[in-house]
Protein backbone atom coordinates (compact mmCIF):
# COMPACT_ATOMS: atom_id res chain seq x y z
CA MET A 1 4.03 44.32 -5.44
CA ARG A 2 1.28 42.04 -4.21
CA THR A 3 1.80 38.30 -3.99
CA VAL A 4 -0.95 36.40 -5.80
CA PHE A 5 -2.64 33.23 -4.51
CA ALA A 6 -5.52 31.41 -6.18
CA VAL A 7 -7.89 28.48 -6.32
CA PHE A 8 -8.03 26.45 -9.55
CA GLY A 9 -11.09 24.37 -10.42
CA ASP A 10 -13.84 23.73 -12.92
CA PRO A 11 -16.37 24.98 -11.96
CA VAL A 12 -14.93 27.48 -9.51
CA GLY A 13 -17.26 30.48 -9.53
CA HIS A 14 -19.05 29.30 -6.38
CA SER A 15 -15.85 29.11 -4.31
CA LEU A 16 -15.78 30.97 -1.01
CA SER A 17 -11.98 30.70 -0.80
CA PRO A 18 -11.26 34.16 -2.31
CA ALA A 19 -13.46 35.93 0.24
CA MET A 20 -12.04 33.83 3.08
CA HIS A 21 -8.36 34.31 2.24
CA ASN A 22 -8.64 37.95 1.23
CA ALA A 23 -10.32 38.72 4.56
CA ALA A 24 -7.38 37.10 6.37
CA PHE A 25 -4.80 38.94 4.25
CA GLU A 26 -6.55 42.24 4.96
CA ALA A 27 -6.79 41.57 8.70
CA LEU A 28 -3.06 40.82 8.83
CA ASP A 29 -2.19 43.78 6.57
CA MET A 30 -0.39 41.47 4.15
CA GLU A 31 0.33 42.56 0.56
CA CYS A 32 -1.42 39.54 -0.94
CA THR A 33 -4.46 38.88 -3.12
CA TYR A 34 -6.39 35.66 -3.77
CA TYR A 35 -8.34 34.93 -6.97
CA ALA A 36 -10.38 32.08 -8.48
CA PHE A 37 -9.44 30.74 -11.92
CA ARG A 38 -11.33 28.23 -14.01
CA VAL A 39 -8.83 25.52 -14.99
CA SER A 40 -9.68 22.21 -16.66
CA ARG A 41 -7.97 18.92 -15.86
CA GLU A 42 -6.17 19.07 -19.21
CA GLU A 43 -4.85 22.57 -18.49
CA LEU A 44 -3.65 21.94 -14.93
CA LYS A 45 0.02 21.27 -15.66
CA ALA A 46 0.36 24.41 -17.76
CA ALA A 47 -1.61 26.44 -15.22
CA LEU A 48 0.58 25.35 -12.31
CA GLU A 49 3.79 25.91 -14.23
CA GLY A 50 2.51 29.33 -15.32
CA ALA A 51 1.53 30.28 -11.77
CA LYS A 52 4.97 29.30 -10.50
CA ALA A 53 6.70 31.19 -13.33
CA MET A 54 4.66 34.32 -12.58
CA GLY A 55 5.59 34.26 -8.91
CA PHE A 56 2.33 33.10 -7.34
CA GLY A 57 2.68 32.32 -3.64
CA GLY A 58 0.60 29.17 -3.93
CA VAL A 59 -2.69 27.73 -5.10
CA ASN A 60 -5.57 25.63 -3.85
CA LEU A 61 -7.12 22.95 -6.04
CA THR A 62 -10.73 21.87 -6.10
CA VAL A 63 -12.75 19.48 -8.32
CA PRO A 64 -11.77 17.97 -10.69
CA LEU A 65 -8.06 18.68 -10.16
CA LYS A 66 -7.07 17.13 -6.83
CA GLN A 67 -6.14 13.71 -8.18
CA GLU A 68 -4.68 15.02 -11.44
CA ALA A 69 -2.22 17.10 -9.42
CA LEU A 70 -0.50 13.96 -8.14
CA LYS A 71 0.97 13.47 -11.62
CA ILE A 72 2.47 16.97 -11.59
CA VAL A 73 3.56 18.02 -8.09
CA ASP A 74 5.85 16.56 -5.44
CA ALA A 75 3.18 15.35 -3.00
CA ASP A 76 4.01 15.00 0.68
CA PRO A 77 3.51 11.49 2.16
CA LEU A 78 0.01 12.13 3.53
CA ALA A 79 -1.28 13.68 0.30
CA ALA A 80 0.23 10.79 -1.66
CA ALA A 81 -1.45 8.24 0.61
CA ILE A 82 -4.79 10.06 0.39
CA GLY A 83 -4.41 10.24 -3.39
CA ALA A 84 -5.34 13.91 -3.70
CA VAL A 85 -3.72 17.35 -3.46
CA ASN A 86 -5.65 20.50 -2.55
CA THR A 87 -2.77 22.86 -1.75
CA VAL A 88 0.37 23.61 -3.79
CA ASP A 89 3.32 25.62 -2.48
CA PHE A 90 5.88 27.05 -4.90
CA ARG A 91 8.68 28.06 -2.53
CA ASN A 92 10.72 24.86 -3.01
CA GLY A 93 9.74 23.49 -6.39
CA MET A 94 6.09 22.49 -6.58
CA LYS A 95 5.10 20.79 -3.31
CA GLY A 96 1.63 19.31 -2.86
CA TYR A 97 -0.37 18.88 0.35
CA ASN A 98 -3.85 17.82 1.41
CA THR A 99 -5.33 19.97 4.19
CA ASP A 100 -8.89 18.56 4.16
CA GLY A 101 -8.17 16.02 6.89
CA ILE A 102 -6.48 18.62 9.07
CA GLY A 103 -9.49 20.88 8.60
CA ALA A 104 -11.76 18.11 9.90
CA LYS A 105 -9.44 17.29 12.79
CA LEU A 106 -9.26 20.92 13.98
CA SER A 107 -13.04 21.32 13.64
CA LEU A 108 -13.60 18.36 15.96
CA GLU A 109 -10.90 19.38 18.43
CA GLU A 110 -12.40 22.88 18.67
CA GLU A 111 -15.59 21.24 19.95
CA GLY A 112 -13.68 19.31 22.59
CA VAL A 113 -13.50 15.95 20.80
CA ASP A 114 -10.50 13.86 21.84
CA ILE A 115 -9.70 12.07 18.60
CA ARG A 116 -7.25 9.55 20.05
CA GLY A 117 -9.24 6.52 21.19
CA SER A 118 -12.54 7.72 19.73
CA GLU A 119 -14.82 5.48 17.70
CA VAL A 120 -15.42 7.46 14.51
CA LEU A 121 -18.00 6.49 11.91
CA ILE A 122 -17.58 8.09 8.48
CA ALA A 123 -20.54 7.94 6.12
CA GLY A 124 -19.36 7.96 2.51
CA ALA A 125 -16.17 6.87 0.79
CA GLY A 126 -15.39 9.69 -1.66
CA GLY A 127 -12.47 12.12 -1.73
CA ALA A 128 -13.34 14.04 1.44
CA ALA A 129 -14.04 10.81 3.34
CA ARG A 130 -10.66 9.51 2.24
CA ALA A 131 -8.78 12.56 3.53
CA ILE A 132 -10.67 12.60 6.83
CA ALA A 133 -10.30 8.85 7.39
CA PHE A 134 -6.53 8.98 6.87
CA GLN A 135 -6.10 11.97 9.19
CA LEU A 136 -8.27 10.69 12.05
CA ALA A 137 -6.87 7.15 11.89
CA LYS A 138 -3.34 8.56 11.90
CA ASP A 139 -4.26 10.58 14.98
CA GLY A 140 -5.40 7.50 16.89
CA ALA A 141 -9.13 7.16 16.20
CA SER A 142 -10.71 3.81 15.42
CA VAL A 143 -12.39 4.53 12.07
CA THR A 144 -15.34 2.76 10.50
CA ILE A 145 -16.20 3.75 6.92
CA ALA A 146 -19.75 3.00 5.79
CA ASN A 147 -20.83 3.44 2.18
CA ARG A 148 -23.80 2.42 0.04
CA THR A 149 -21.35 0.40 -2.04
CA ALA A 150 -19.68 -1.66 0.66
CA GLU A 151 -16.78 -2.71 -1.58
CA LYS A 152 -15.66 0.89 -1.95
CA ALA A 153 -15.68 1.39 1.84
CA ILE A 154 -13.75 -1.85 2.37
CA GLU A 155 -11.12 -0.83 -0.21
CA LEU A 156 -10.72 2.57 1.42
CA ALA A 157 -10.42 1.03 4.89
CA ALA A 158 -7.70 -1.29 3.61
CA ASP A 159 -5.74 1.75 2.41
CA VAL A 160 -6.30 3.64 5.66
CA SER A 161 -5.13 0.63 7.66
CA ALA A 162 -1.60 1.54 6.57
CA VAL A 163 -1.68 4.45 9.05
CA GLY A 164 -4.17 3.33 11.70
CA ASN A 165 -7.19 1.26 12.67
CA ALA A 166 -9.94 1.17 10.02
CA ARG A 167 -12.70 -1.08 8.71
CA GLY A 168 -15.26 -0.74 5.95
CA CYS A 169 -18.87 -1.85 5.53
CA GLY A 170 -22.18 -1.05 3.86
CA PHE A 171 -25.07 1.07 5.10
CA GLU A 172 -27.27 -1.84 6.17
CA ASN A 173 -26.38 -1.60 9.88
CA LEU A 174 -25.83 2.14 10.01
CA GLY A 175 -28.17 2.69 12.96
CA SER A 176 -26.37 0.23 15.21
CA LEU A 177 -22.98 1.56 14.08
CA ILE A 178 -24.02 5.09 15.07
CA ARG A 179 -25.14 3.91 18.50
CA GLU A 180 -21.68 2.38 19.04
CA SER A 181 -19.81 5.49 17.87
CA ASP A 182 -18.46 8.60 19.59
CA VAL A 183 -18.35 10.66 16.38
CA LEU A 184 -20.41 10.53 13.17
CA VAL A 185 -18.99 12.35 10.14
CA ASN A 186 -21.21 12.81 7.10
CA CYS A 187 -19.12 12.85 3.92
CA THR A 188 -22.04 12.20 1.57
CA VAL A 189 -23.95 14.86 -0.38
CA LEU A 190 -27.16 14.07 1.49
CA GLY A 191 -28.59 17.28 2.90
CA MET A 192 -26.72 19.55 0.48
CA LYS A 193 -28.72 22.07 -1.53
CA PRO A 194 -30.99 21.44 -3.33
CA ASP A 195 -31.62 18.09 -1.51
CA ILE A 196 -32.00 19.76 1.88
CA GLY A 197 -34.36 17.02 3.12
CA GLY A 198 -31.75 14.29 2.79
CA THR A 199 -29.96 12.79 5.79
CA VAL A 200 -27.86 9.71 6.54
CA ALA A 201 -29.54 9.28 9.94
CA THR A 202 -32.32 10.56 12.17
CA ALA A 203 -32.55 11.31 15.89
CA LYS A 204 -33.73 7.78 16.74
CA ASP A 205 -30.36 6.42 15.62
CA MET A 206 -28.34 8.85 17.76
CA HIS A 207 -27.44 9.29 21.41
CA SER A 208 -26.64 12.30 23.59
CA ASP A 209 -22.91 11.48 23.90
CA LEU A 210 -22.48 11.54 20.13
CA THR A 211 -20.76 14.31 18.16
CA VAL A 212 -22.27 14.76 14.70
CA PHE A 213 -20.09 16.49 12.13
CA ASP A 214 -21.62 17.29 8.73
CA ILE A 215 -19.04 18.51 6.20
CA VAL A 216 -21.90 19.92 4.08
CA TYR A 217 -21.97 23.69 4.72
CA ASN A 218 -24.77 24.80 2.42
CA PRO A 219 -27.27 24.92 4.05
CA LEU A 220 -25.44 25.89 7.22
CA GLU A 221 -27.68 23.71 9.37
CA THR A 222 -28.48 20.49 7.53
CA ARG A 223 -31.27 18.12 8.40
CA LEU A 224 -28.67 15.75 9.91
CA LEU A 225 -27.59 18.45 12.36
CA ARG A 226 -31.20 19.25 13.25
CA GLU A 227 -31.81 15.56 13.95
CA ALA A 228 -28.66 15.47 16.08
CA LYS A 229 -29.90 18.37 18.17
CA LEU A 230 -33.20 16.54 18.74
CA ALA A 231 -31.17 13.63 20.11
CA GLY A 232 -29.18 15.93 22.40
CA ALA A 233 -25.96 15.28 20.46
CA LYS A 234 -23.18 17.81 19.91
CA THR A 235 -23.08 19.28 16.38
CA VAL A 236 -20.25 20.56 14.19
CA THR A 237 -20.97 22.40 10.91
CA GLY A 238 -19.03 22.04 7.67
CA VAL A 239 -18.10 25.72 7.74
CA MET A 240 -15.30 25.10 10.21
CA MET A 241 -13.72 22.38 8.06
CA LEU A 242 -13.71 24.82 5.14
CA VAL A 243 -12.14 27.48 7.35
CA TYR A 244 -9.51 25.27 8.94
CA GLN A 245 -8.41 23.56 5.74
CA GLY A 246 -7.99 27.05 4.27
CA ALA A 247 -6.13 28.25 7.35
CA GLU A 248 -3.70 25.34 7.09
CA ALA A 249 -3.05 26.16 3.42
CA PHE A 250 -2.45 29.78 4.44
CA ARG A 251 0.09 28.63 7.06
CA ILE A 252 1.88 26.39 4.55
CA TRP A 253 2.25 29.26 2.08
CA THR A 254 3.14 32.09 4.45
CA GLY A 255 4.33 30.58 7.72
CA VAL A 256 1.63 32.67 9.43
CA ARG A 257 -1.41 31.32 11.26
CA PRO A 258 -4.38 33.37 10.01
CA PRO A 259 -7.32 34.55 12.16
CA ALA A 260 -9.86 31.72 11.86
CA ASP A 261 -12.64 33.94 13.22
CA VAL A 262 -12.12 36.45 10.40
CA MET A 263 -12.12 33.65 7.81
CA LYS A 264 -15.28 32.15 9.31
CA ARG A 265 -17.07 35.49 9.22
CA ALA A 266 -16.19 35.92 5.54
CA VAL A 267 -17.54 32.44 4.74
CA LEU A 268 -20.79 33.06 6.60
CA GLU A 269 -21.26 36.37 4.80
CA GLY A 270 -20.65 34.60 1.50
CA LEU A 271 -23.26 31.97 2.29
CA ARG A 272 -25.83 34.65 3.05
CA THR A 273 -25.43 36.37 -0.34
């Protein structure tokens, strides 16, 4: 009998998680299957309880369910601090985790970025920015969060300061902040389809020792990453964050580290269709 895993969200039809996880299960010859189910915020509690009752191995959560899950599951300390859950494991009750920050961390480390001691500038202050800021600050980076609404960035930085060094500000001095940074992480929707011309910065703001990480993965190469290449900066695509956050969820559920290269290939194939 196959063990079922799933992603819950609304909408969820666009999710690449089924292709990514099923490719890993097949590569490892595991008797598991991963599906996508449309679940509203109001239905989440019943859906999670039903999944557990039916013997699901675990589920991922996407918008708009990540914050709602905190009311239902036993969140681990990091997920509770972030204020969002994207992974639920059913082996010991209903345990909630957030793997978005780990996905970002592993994406940067793969490109040779030493997080400890780095000056990291995060553009945006939404859910993904929150997860990444907590993770990188906890791992020893000095994090600056810049947002169009400065108050939101300052509030987030105050929360992140519980685990590490963080400050918040507006976008007015973004160029000078980038020039002082080792890593720029775009957590805004600028550059995402259909607004593929959008970018938080251009080449004139960057320097060749900078690493530019855009968590947007559609299109695969955003305008921000093209501008970074013009400046001679190192670039990291959002695909790897998607892959590594999924790989960490896979590990939590199964105790097995999946083949990231297989998962990446499945994501890239999904983006091409």
